[in-house]
PDB file of N, CA and C in Angstrom:
ATOM      1  N   UNK A   1     130.432 118.196 124.482  1.00  0.00           N
ATOM      2  CA  UNK A   1     129.803 118.958 123.432  1.00  0.00           C
ATOM      3  C   UNK A   1     128.842 118.056 122.678  1.00  0.00           C
ATOM      4  N   UNK A   2     127.604 118.521 122.507  1.00  0.00           N
ATOM      5  CA  UNK A   2     126.585 117.754 121.807  1.00  0.00           C
ATOM      6  C   UNK A   2     126.389 118.373 120.429  1.00  0.00           C
ATOM      7  N   UNK A   3     126.425 117.528 119.415  1.00  0.00           N
ATOM      8  CA  UNK A   3     126.163 118.006 118.067  1.00  0.00           C
ATOM      9  C   UNK A   3     124.806 117.490 117.623  1.00  0.00           C
ATOM     10  N   UNK A   4     124.082 118.342 116.958  1.00  0.00           N
ATOM     11  CA  UNK A   4     122.767 117.973 116.461  1.00  0.00           C
ATOM     12  C   UNK A   4     122.880 117.692 114.971  1.00  0.00           C
ATOM     13  N   UNK A   5     122.371 116.546 114.563  1.00  0.00           N
ATOM     14  CA  UNK A   5     122.413 116.187 113.145  1.00  0.00           C
ATOM     15  C   UNK A   5     121.467 117.096 112.363  1.00  0.00           C
ATOM     16  N   UNK A   6     121.912 117.536 111.218  1.00  0.00           N
ATOM     17  CA  UNK A   6     121.071 118.353 110.355  1.00  0.00           C
ATOM     18  C   UNK A   6     120.077 117.466 109.634  1.00  0.00           C
ATOM     19  N   UNK A   7     118.870 117.971 109.455  1.00  0.00           N
ATOM     20  CA  UNK A   7     117.856 117.228 108.714  1.00  0.00           C
ATOM     21  C   UNK A   7     118.325 117.040 107.281  1.00  0.00           C
ATOM     22  N   UNK A   8     118.046 115.875 106.728  1.00  0.00           N
ATOM     23  CA  UNK A   8     118.404 115.558 105.346  1.00  0.00           C
ATOM     24  C   UNK A   8     117.142 115.656 104.493  1.00  0.00           C
ATOM     25  N   UNK A   9     117.066 116.705 103.693  1.00  0.00           N
ATOM     26  CA  UNK A   9     115.874 116.986 102.910  1.00  0.00           C
ATOM     27  C   UNK A   9     116.164 116.748 101.432  1.00  0.00           C
ATOM     28  N   UNK A  10     115.296 115.988 100.795  1.00  0.00           N
ATOM     29  CA  UNK A  10     115.393 115.760  99.353  1.00  0.00           C
ATOM     30  C   UNK A  10     114.364 116.642  98.665  1.00  0.00           C
ATOM     31  N   UNK A  11     114.775 117.275  97.594  1.00  0.00           N
ATOM     32  CA  UNK A  11     113.861 118.077  96.781  1.00  0.00           C
ATOM     33  C   UNK A  11     113.805 117.426  95.411  1.00  0.00           C
ATOM     34  N   UNK A  12     112.600 117.025  95.009  1.00  0.00           N
ATOM     35  CA  UNK A  12     112.402 116.413  93.698  1.00  0.00           C
ATOM     36  C   UNK A  12     111.786 117.438  92.772  1.00  0.00           C
ATOM     37  N   UNK A  13     112.463 117.693  91.659  1.00  0.00           N
ATOM     38  CA  UNK A  13     111.927 118.603  90.661  1.00  0.00           C
ATOM     39  C   UNK A  13     112.759 119.857  90.539  1.00  0.00           C
ATOM     40  N   UNK A  14     112.436 120.622  89.551  1.00  0.00           N
ATOM     41  CA  UNK A  14     113.178 121.847  89.307  1.00  0.00           C
ATOM     42  C   UNK A  14     114.371 121.605  88.420  1.00  0.00           C
ATOM     43  N   UNK A  15     115.166 122.628  88.316  1.00  0.00           N
ATOM     44  CA  UNK A  15     116.303 122.561  87.419  1.00  0.00           C
ATOM     45  C   UNK A  15     117.630 122.468  88.157  1.00  0.00           C
ATOM     46  N   UNK A  16     117.592 122.143  89.425  1.00  0.00           N
ATOM     47  CA  UNK A  16     118.820 121.927  90.180  1.00  0.00           C
ATOM     48  C   UNK A  16     119.270 123.088  91.034  1.00  0.00           C
ATOM     49  N   UNK A  17     118.522 124.199  91.032  1.00  0.00           N
ATOM     50  CA  UNK A  17     118.902 125.320  91.895  1.00  0.00           C
ATOM     51  C   UNK A  17     118.704 124.947  93.350  1.00  0.00           C
ATOM     52  N   UNK A  18     119.542 125.478  94.229  1.00  0.00           N
ATOM     53  CA  UNK A  18     119.497 125.148  95.658  1.00  0.00           C
ATOM     54  C   UNK A  18     118.310 125.846  96.326  1.00  0.00           C
ATOM     55  N   UNK A  19     117.333 125.112  96.804  1.00  0.00           N
ATOM     56  CA  UNK A  19     116.134 125.706  97.408  1.00  0.00           C
ATOM     57  C   UNK A  19     116.272 125.880  98.923  1.00  0.00           C
ATOM     58  N   UNK A  20     117.191 126.717  99.364  1.00  0.00           N
ATOM     59  CA  UNK A  20     117.429 126.886 100.793  1.00  0.00           C
ATOM     60  C   UNK A  20     116.228 127.441 101.545  1.00  0.00           C
ATOM     61  N   UNK A  21     115.300 128.092 100.855  1.00  0.00           N
ATOM     62  CA  UNK A  21     114.113 128.627 101.528  1.00  0.00           C
ATOM     63  C   UNK A  21     113.203 127.530 102.065  1.00  0.00           C
ATOM     64  N   UNK A  22     113.210 126.364 101.461  1.00  0.00           N
ATOM     65  CA  UNK A  22     112.321 125.284 101.881  1.00  0.00           C
ATOM     66  C   UNK A  22     112.847 124.528 103.083  1.00  0.00           C
ATOM     67  N   UNK A  23     114.117 124.605 103.330  1.00  0.00           N
ATOM     68  CA  UNK A  23     114.699 123.834 104.429  1.00  0.00           C
ATOM     69  C   UNK A  23     115.921 124.555 105.000  1.00  0.00           C
ATOM     70  N   UNK A  24     115.716 125.703 105.635  1.00  0.00           N
ATOM     71  CA  UNK A  24     116.870 126.425 106.178  1.00  0.00           C
ATOM     72  C   UNK A  24     117.591 125.601 107.235  1.00  0.00           C
ATOM     73  N   UNK A  25     118.893 125.574 107.155  1.00  0.00           N
ATOM     74  CA  UNK A  25     119.694 124.842 108.126  1.00  0.00           C
ATOM     75  C   UNK A  25     119.765 123.347 107.893  1.00  0.00           C
ATOM     76  N   UNK A  26     119.141 122.863 106.836  1.00  0.00           N
ATOM     77  CA  UNK A  26     119.127 121.424 106.550  1.00  0.00           C
ATOM     78  C   UNK A  26     120.174 121.093 105.491  1.00  0.00           C
ATOM     79  N   UNK A  27     120.467 119.825 105.396  1.00  0.00           N
ATOM     80  CA  UNK A  27     121.318 119.313 104.327  1.00  0.00           C
ATOM     81  C   UNK A  27     120.376 118.986 103.167  1.00  0.00           C
ATOM     82  N   UNK A  28     120.387 119.812 102.130  1.00  0.00           N
ATOM     83  CA  UNK A  28     119.443 119.678 101.021  1.00  0.00           C
ATOM     84  C   UNK A  28     120.112 118.982  99.843  1.00  0.00           C
ATOM     85  N   UNK A  29     119.439 117.949  99.344  1.00  0.00           N
ATOM     86  CA  UNK A  29     119.894 117.251  98.136  1.00  0.00           C
ATOM     87  C   UNK A  29     118.818 117.421  97.075  1.00  0.00           C
ATOM     88  N   UNK A  30     119.220 117.897  95.915  1.00  0.00           N
ATOM     89  CA  UNK A  30     118.277 118.160  94.835  1.00  0.00           C
ATOM     90  C   UNK A  30     118.318 117.019  93.829  1.00  0.00           C
ATOM     91  N   UNK A  31     117.146 116.509  93.514  1.00  0.00           N
ATOM     92  CA  UNK A  31     116.983 115.481  92.485  1.00  0.00           C
ATOM     93  C   UNK A  31     116.165 116.146  91.382  1.00  0.00           C
ATOM     94  N   UNK A  32     116.821 116.481  90.286  1.00  0.00           N
ATOM     95  CA  UNK A  32     116.191 117.276  89.241  1.00  0.00           C
ATOM     96  C   UNK A  32     115.063 116.535  88.545  1.00  0.00           C
ATOM     97  N   UNK A  33     114.154 117.316  87.985  1.00  0.00           N
ATOM     98  CA  UNK A  33     113.047 116.768  87.221  1.00  0.00           C
ATOM     99  C   UNK A  33     113.547 116.071  85.963  1.00  0.00           C
ATOM    100  N   UNK A  34     112.725 115.230  85.413  1.00  0.00           N
ATOM    101  CA  UNK A  34     113.094 114.424  84.236  1.00  0.00           C
ATOM    102  C   UNK A  34     113.603 115.284  83.088  1.00  0.00           C
ATOM    103  N   UNK A  35     112.984 116.413  82.901  1.00  0.00           N
ATOM    104  CA  UNK A  35     113.363 117.306  81.811  1.00  0.00           C
ATOM    105  C   UNK A  35     114.802 117.811  81.962  1.00  0.00           C
ATOM    106  N   UNK A  36     115.261 117.935  83.188  1.00  0.00           N
ATOM    107  CA  UNK A  36     116.594 118.465  83.446  1.00  0.00           C
ATOM    108  C   UNK A  36     117.616 117.400  83.826  1.00  0.00           C
ATOM    109  N   UNK A  37     117.161 116.241  84.314  1.00  0.00           N
ATOM    110  CA  UNK A  37     118.117 115.259  84.790  1.00  0.00           C
ATOM    111  C   UNK A  37     117.888 113.842  84.325  1.00  0.00           C
ATOM    112  N   UNK A  38     116.836 113.609  83.579  1.00  0.00           N
ATOM    113  CA  UNK A  38     116.562 112.262  83.102  1.00  0.00           C
ATOM    114  C   UNK A  38     115.942 111.379  84.177  1.00  0.00           C
ATOM    115  N   UNK A  39     115.652 110.140  83.820  1.00  0.00           N
ATOM    116  CA  UNK A  39     115.020 109.201  84.743  1.00  0.00           C
ATOM    117  C   UNK A  39     115.934 108.762  85.880  1.00  0.00           C
ATOM    118  N   UNK A  40     117.229 108.918  85.715  1.00  0.00           N
ATOM    119  CA  UNK A  40     118.177 108.497  86.740  1.00  0.00           C
ATOM    120  C   UNK A  40     118.013 109.231  88.054  1.00  0.00           C
ATOM    121  N   UNK A  41     117.547 110.471  88.008  1.00  0.00           N
ATOM    122  CA  UNK A  41     117.358 111.247  89.224  1.00  0.00           C
ATOM    123  C   UNK A  41     116.295 110.618  90.127  1.00  0.00           C
ATOM    124  N   UNK A  42     115.189 110.162  89.560  1.00  0.00           N
ATOM    125  CA  UNK A  42     114.125 109.543  90.341  1.00  0.00           C
ATOM    126  C   UNK A  42     114.611 108.223  90.944  1.00  0.00           C
ATOM    127  N   UNK A  43     115.392 107.487  90.202  1.00  0.00           N
ATOM    128  CA  UNK A  43     115.946 106.229  90.720  1.00  0.00           C
ATOM    129  C   UNK A  43     116.914 106.496  91.873  1.00  0.00           C
ATOM    130  N   UNK A  44     117.740 107.546  91.740  1.00  0.00           N
ATOM    131  CA  UNK A  44     118.657 107.916  92.832  1.00  0.00           C
ATOM    132  C   UNK A  44     117.882 108.323  94.082  1.00  0.00           C
ATOM    133  N   UNK A  45     116.801 109.080  93.894  1.00  0.00           N
ATOM    134  CA  UNK A  45     115.968 109.487  95.023  1.00  0.00           C
ATOM    135  C   UNK A  45     115.376 108.265  95.720  1.00  0.00           C
ATOM    136  N   UNK A  46     114.845 107.336  94.954  1.00  0.00           N
ATOM    137  CA  UNK A  46     114.250 106.131  95.535  1.00  0.00           C
ATOM    138  C   UNK A  46     115.284 105.341  96.334  1.00  0.00           C
ATOM    139  N   UNK A  47     116.490 105.197  95.803  1.00  0.00           N
ATOM    140  CA  UNK A  47     117.550 104.497  96.540  1.00  0.00           C
ATOM    141  C   UNK A  47     117.891 105.214  97.839  1.00  0.00           C
ATOM    142  N   UNK A  48     117.963 106.537  97.777  1.00  0.00           N
ATOM    143  CA  UNK A  48     118.282 107.322  98.978  1.00  0.00           C
ATOM    144  C   UNK A  48     117.200 107.180 100.030  1.00  0.00           C
ATOM    145  N   UNK A  49     115.943 107.211  99.621  1.00  0.00           N
ATOM    146  CA  UNK A  49     114.841 107.069 100.579  1.00  0.00           C
ATOM    147  C   UNK A  49     114.846 105.678 101.191  1.00  0.00           C
ATOM    148  N   UNK A  50     115.030 104.660 100.366  1.00  0.00           N
ATOM    149  CA  UNK A  50     115.019 103.280 100.878  1.00  0.00           C
ATOM    150  C   UNK A  50     116.183 102.997 101.819  1.00  0.00           C
ATOM    151  N   UNK A  51     117.298 103.685 101.624  1.00  0.00           N
ATOM    152  CA  UNK A  51     118.471 103.447 102.473  1.00  0.00           C
ATOM    153  C   UNK A  51     118.411 104.229 103.782  1.00  0.00           C
ATOM    154  N   UNK A  52     117.400 105.077 103.942  1.00  0.00           N
ATOM    155  CA  UNK A  52     117.262 105.843 105.175  1.00  0.00           C
ATOM    156  C   UNK A  52     118.047 107.144 105.176  1.00  0.00           C
ATOM    157  N   UNK A  53     118.486 107.600 103.999  1.00  0.00           N
ATOM    158  CA  UNK A  53     119.307 108.803 103.906  1.00  0.00           C
ATOM    159  C   UNK A  53     118.497 110.087 103.777  1.00  0.00           C
ATOM    160  N   UNK A  54     117.168 109.987 103.772  1.00  0.00           N
ATOM    161  CA  UNK A  54     116.307 111.156 103.600  1.00  0.00           C
ATOM    162  C   UNK A  54     115.349 111.250 104.789  1.00  0.00           C
ATOM    163  N   UNK A  55     115.266 112.449 105.389  1.00  0.00           N
ATOM    164  CA  UNK A  55     114.364 112.687 106.516  1.00  0.00           C
ATOM    165  C   UNK A  55     113.057 113.345 106.099  1.00  0.00           C
ATOM    166  N   UNK A  56     113.073 114.061 104.991  1.00  0.00           N
ATOM    167  CA  UNK A  56     111.883 114.768 104.518  1.00  0.00           C
ATOM    168  C   UNK A  56     111.986 114.935 103.013  1.00  0.00           C
ATOM    169  N   UNK A  57     110.834 114.884 102.338  1.00  0.00           N
ATOM    170  CA  UNK A  57     110.795 115.039 100.886  1.00  0.00           C
ATOM    171  C   UNK A  57     109.955 116.256 100.523  1.00  0.00           C
ATOM    172  N   UNK A  58     110.503 117.120  99.691  1.00  0.00           N
ATOM    173  CA  UNK A  58     109.772 118.247  99.129  1.00  0.00           C
ATOM    174  C   UNK A  58     109.669 117.985  97.629  1.00  0.00           C
ATOM    175  N   UNK A  59     108.437 117.993  97.115  1.00  0.00           N
ATOM    176  CA  UNK A  59     108.217 117.722  95.690  1.00  0.00           C
ATOM    177  C   UNK A  59     107.742 119.003  95.019  1.00  0.00           C
ATOM    178  N   UNK A  60     108.486 119.450  94.031  1.00  0.00           N
ATOM    179  CA  UNK A  60     108.079 120.600  93.225  1.00  0.00           C
ATOM    180  C   UNK A  60     107.271 120.051  92.063  1.00  0.00           C
ATOM    181  N   UNK A  61     105.975 119.916  92.264  1.00  0.00           N
ATOM    182  CA  UNK A  61     105.113 119.200  91.323  1.00  0.00           C
ATOM    183  C   UNK A  61     105.114 119.814  89.928  1.00  0.00           C
ATOM    184  N   UNK A  62     105.282 121.097  89.831  1.00  0.00           N
ATOM    185  CA  UNK A  62     105.263 121.763  88.534  1.00  0.00           C
ATOM    186  C   UNK A  62     106.363 121.244  87.611  1.00  0.00           C
ATOM    187  N   UNK A  63     107.445 120.765  88.186  1.00  0.00           N
ATOM    188  CA  UNK A  63     108.601 120.356  87.401  1.00  0.00           C
ATOM    189  C   UNK A  63     108.654 118.848  87.163  1.00  0.00           C
ATOM    190  N   UNK A  64     107.630 118.117  87.568  1.00  0.00           N
ATOM    191  CA  UNK A  64     107.626 116.665  87.421  1.00  0.00           C
ATOM    192  C   UNK A  64     106.387 116.223  86.664  1.00  0.00           C
ATOM    193  N   UNK A  65     106.479 115.050  86.066  1.00  0.00           N
ATOM    194  CA  UNK A  65     105.290 114.434  85.508  1.00  0.00           C
ATOM    195  C   UNK A  65     104.462 113.851  86.642  1.00  0.00           C
ATOM    196  N   UNK A  66     103.199 113.581  86.359  1.00  0.00           N
ATOM    197  CA  UNK A  66     102.325 113.022  87.383  1.00  0.00           C
ATOM    198  C   UNK A  66     102.843 111.691  87.916  1.00  0.00           C
ATOM    199  N   UNK A  67     103.368 110.862  87.040  1.00  0.00           N
ATOM    200  CA  UNK A  67     103.819 109.540  87.477  1.00  0.00           C
ATOM    201  C   UNK A  67     105.021 109.642  88.416  1.00  0.00           C
ATOM    202  N   UNK A  68     105.952 110.542  88.152  1.00  0.00           N
ATOM    203  CA  UNK A  68     107.116 110.709  89.036  1.00  0.00           C
ATOM    204  C   UNK A  68     106.691 111.236  90.401  1.00  0.00           C
ATOM    205  N   UNK A  69     105.797 112.224  90.404  1.00  0.00           N
ATOM    206  CA  UNK A  69     105.314 112.779  91.666  1.00  0.00           C
ATOM    207  C   UNK A  69     104.583 111.721  92.468  1.00  0.00           C
ATOM    208  N   UNK A  70     103.680 110.992  91.814  1.00  0.00           N
ATOM    209  CA  UNK A  70     102.915 109.944  92.494  1.00  0.00           C
ATOM    210  C   UNK A  70     103.834 108.871  93.062  1.00  0.00           C
ATOM    211  N   UNK A  71     104.804 108.435  92.280  1.00  0.00           N
ATOM    212  CA  UNK A  71     105.737 107.407  92.733  1.00  0.00           C
ATOM    213  C   UNK A  71     106.497 107.860  93.969  1.00  0.00           C
ATOM    214  N   UNK A  72     107.069 109.067  93.916  1.00  0.00           N
ATOM    215  CA  UNK A  72     107.887 109.566  95.025  1.00  0.00           C
ATOM    216  C   UNK A  72     107.059 109.762  96.294  1.00  0.00           C
ATOM    217  N   UNK A  73     105.861 110.325  96.152  1.00  0.00           N
ATOM    218  CA  UNK A  73     105.005 110.566  97.312  1.00  0.00           C
ATOM    219  C   UNK A  73     104.573 109.242  97.945  1.00  0.00           C
ATOM    220  N   UNK A  74     104.159 108.293  97.136  1.00  0.00           N
ATOM    221  CA  UNK A  74     103.736 106.986  97.680  1.00  0.00           C
ATOM    222  C   UNK A  74     104.881 106.263  98.377  1.00  0.00           C
ATOM    223  N   UNK A  75     106.072 106.291  97.775  1.00  0.00           N
ATOM    224  CA  UNK A  75     107.219 105.636  98.386  1.00  0.00           C
ATOM    225  C   UNK A  75     107.568 106.305  99.714  1.00  0.00           C
ATOM    226  N   UNK A  76     107.588 107.623  99.730  1.00  0.00           N
ATOM    227  CA  UNK A  76     107.910 108.337 100.968  1.00  0.00           C
ATOM    228  C   UNK A  76     106.910 108.014 102.065  1.00  0.00           C
ATOM    229  N   UNK A  77     105.645 108.024 101.748  1.00  0.00           N
ATOM    230  CA  UNK A  77     104.611 107.719 102.760  1.00  0.00           C
ATOM    231  C   UNK A  77     104.742 106.285 103.256  1.00  0.00           C
ATOM    232  N   UNK A  78     105.012 105.358 102.350  1.00  0.00           N
ATOM    233  CA  UNK A  78     105.184 103.963 102.753  1.00  0.00           C
ATOM    234  C   UNK A  78     106.370 103.800 103.696  1.00  0.00           C
ATOM    235  N   UNK A  79     107.415 104.622 103.491  1.00  0.00           N
ATOM    236  CA  UNK A  79     108.612 104.544 104.331  1.00  0.00           C
ATOM    237  C   UNK A  79     108.530 105.435 105.565  1.00  0.00           C
ATOM    238  N   UNK A  80     107.429 106.165 105.708  1.00  0.00           N
ATOM    239  CA  UNK A  80     107.263 107.034 106.866  1.00  0.00           C
ATOM    240  C   UNK A  80     108.034 108.353 106.792  1.00  0.00           C
ATOM    241  N   UNK A  81     108.330 108.783 105.578  1.00  0.00           N
ATOM    242  CA  UNK A  81     109.055 110.036 105.360  1.00  0.00           C
ATOM    243  C   UNK A  81     108.044 111.146 105.126  1.00  0.00           C
ATOM    244  N   UNK A  82     108.094 112.221 105.910  1.00  0.00           N
ATOM    245  CA  UNK A  82     107.166 113.334 105.689  1.00  0.00           C
ATOM    246  C   UNK A  82     107.359 113.936 104.308  1.00  0.00           C
ATOM    247  N   UNK A  83     106.226 114.314 103.677  1.00  0.00           N
ATOM    248  CA  UNK A  83     106.246 114.833 102.314  1.00  0.00           C
ATOM    249  C   UNK A  83     105.528 116.171 102.256  1.00  0.00           C
ATOM    250  N   UNK A  84     106.086 117.098 101.511  1.00  0.00           N
ATOM    251  CA  UNK A  84     105.439 118.370 101.226  1.00  0.00           C
ATOM    252  C   UNK A  84     105.424 118.522  99.709  1.00  0.00           C
ATOM    253  N   UNK A  85     104.227 118.671  99.144  1.00  0.00           N
ATOM    254  CA  UNK A  85     104.092 118.862  97.696  1.00  0.00           C
ATOM    255  C   UNK A  85     103.791 120.328  97.439  1.00  0.00           C
ATOM    256  N   UNK A  86     104.639 120.951  96.637  1.00  0.00           N
ATOM    257  CA  UNK A  86     104.464 122.358  96.279  1.00  0.00           C
ATOM    258  C   UNK A  86     104.020 122.402  94.829  1.00  0.00           C
ATOM    259  N   UNK A  87     102.783 122.915  94.586  1.00  0.00           N
ATOM    260  CA  UNK A  87     102.263 122.945  93.214  1.00  0.00           C
ATOM    261  C   UNK A  87     103.050 123.837  92.279  1.00  0.00           C
TER     262      UNK A  87
END
């Protein structure tokens, strides 16, 4: 029996609701925007990306400051993680 690993998708931004529409069938981890989760969420996301625990990043730009969005997108691209920015 062969098991297929589920994609590990990180969603940055929003208020923590599960965005299953963006990654059906994936293991989705939500990192809330600063307004809802503080600066610790962005640091947790960065650690997860650097450790190889994230396969794809979805950024809900409306829920983040420009600096958080820019930081996450640049880090993901540097690490070779595909990024989708949703305005």
